[in-house]
Amino acid sequence: MKQVLKCDFCTKTAPIDEADAMKQHETWCSFNPANRTCYTCRNAGSHPHGDGDIDTCHAGHEIGHIWVVMDKDTSCANWSDKRETD
């Protein structure tokens, strides 16, 4: 059996000898809550009759305006961590 690394936030995997590349991926991963993207926001939703992809924002933003944020200082002001409960 071959050992692999798996991203803590998504399904990406990498060989054990690519630890630095995986660490860099995790820093910018769209599913990393620190990046405050639509994927991790409780305001993101999908149309009940849609294909399950994010296609609506309950905070009123146009979908995709902040899919992947490379500068955390410009992330969505209305982002709300969907892991937190009320």
Protein backbone atom coordinates (compact mmCIF):
# COMPACT_ATOMS: atom_id res chain seq x y z
CA MET A 1 0.00 0.00 0.00
CA LYS A 2 1.28 3.43 -0.95
CA GLN A 3 1.08 6.29 1.55
CA VAL A 4 -0.46 9.51 0.29
CA LEU A 5 -1.30 12.88 1.75
CA LYS A 6 -4.89 14.14 1.66
CA CYS A 7 -5.96 17.76 1.88
CA ASP A 8 -7.69 18.53 5.19
CA PHE A 9 -10.40 20.44 3.31
CA CYS A 10 -11.09 18.65 0.00
CA THR A 11 -10.46 15.36 -1.80
CA LYS A 12 -7.08 16.28 -3.35
CA THR A 13 -4.32 13.78 -2.67
CA ALA A 14 -0.57 13.80 -3.31
CA PRO A 15 2.34 11.39 -2.87
CA ILE A 16 4.04 11.58 0.52
CA ASP A 17 7.15 13.14 -1.07
CA GLU A 18 5.09 16.18 -2.18
CA ALA A 19 4.33 17.43 1.34
CA ASP A 20 5.38 21.00 0.55
CA ALA A 21 3.06 21.15 -2.47
CA MET A 22 0.17 19.77 -0.40
CA LYS A 23 0.79 22.32 2.36
CA GLN A 24 0.68 25.10 -0.24
CA HIS A 25 -2.52 23.65 -1.75
CA GLU A 26 -4.21 23.57 1.68
CA THR A 27 -3.33 27.25 2.19
CA TRP A 28 -5.24 28.24 -0.96
CA CYS A 29 -7.84 25.44 -1.08
CA SER A 30 -11.31 26.75 -1.93
CA PHE A 31 -12.75 24.56 0.82
CA ASN A 32 -10.44 25.96 3.52
CA PRO A 33 -12.70 28.14 5.71
CA ALA A 34 -9.83 30.58 6.24
CA ASN A 35 -10.23 31.59 2.57
CA ARG A 36 -13.89 32.55 3.11
CA THR A 37 -15.20 31.34 -0.25
CA CYS A 38 -18.75 30.43 -1.26
CA TYR A 39 -17.96 26.74 -0.67
CA THR A 40 -17.63 27.28 3.08
CA CYS A 41 -20.29 29.98 3.53
CA ARG A 42 -23.67 29.33 5.11
CA ASN A 43 -25.17 32.01 2.79
CA ALA A 44 -24.42 29.92 -0.29
CA GLY A 45 -27.16 27.64 -1.49
CA SER A 46 -28.50 25.77 -4.44
CA HIS A 47 -31.84 25.96 -6.18
CA PRO A 48 -34.11 23.14 -4.96
CA HIS A 49 -34.61 21.95 -8.55
CA GLY A 50 -31.01 22.55 -9.64
CA ASP A 51 -28.05 20.22 -10.00
CA GLY A 52 -26.76 20.77 -6.46
CA ASP A 53 -24.08 23.28 -7.41
CA ILE A 54 -23.97 26.59 -5.56
CA ASP A 55 -26.20 28.91 -7.53
CA THR A 56 -27.61 31.36 -5.02
CA CYS A 57 -26.33 33.63 -2.27
CA HIS A 58 -28.68 34.38 0.61
CA ALA A 59 -26.64 37.53 1.32
CA GLY A 60 -27.55 38.88 -2.13
CA HIS A 61 -24.23 38.56 -3.94
CA GLU A 62 -23.81 37.42 -7.51
CA ILE A 63 -22.67 33.82 -7.41
CA GLY A 64 -19.02 33.35 -8.27
CA HIS A 65 -17.95 36.90 -7.40
CA ILE A 66 -15.58 35.46 -4.84
CA TRP A 67 -15.20 31.76 -5.70
CA VAL A 68 -11.50 31.61 -4.97
CA VAL A 69 -9.97 34.42 -2.96
CA MET A 70 -6.22 34.68 -3.21
CA ASP A 71 -6.05 37.71 -0.95
CA LYS A 72 -7.80 37.06 2.36
CA ASP A 73 -8.18 40.83 2.89
CA THR A 74 -10.66 40.98 -0.02
CA SER A 75 -12.90 38.10 1.06
CA CYS A 76 -16.67 38.50 1.26
CA ALA A 77 -17.84 40.74 4.10
CA ASN A 78 -21.07 38.71 4.42
CA TRP A 79 -19.30 35.34 4.67
CA SER A 80 -20.55 33.21 7.55
CA ASP A 81 -18.92 29.90 8.50
CA LYS A 82 -21.42 27.15 7.74
CA ARG A 83 -19.78 24.89 10.36
CA GLU A 84 -20.97 27.20 13.15
CA THR A 85 -24.43 26.76 14.61
CA ASP A 86 -26.76 29.52 15.71
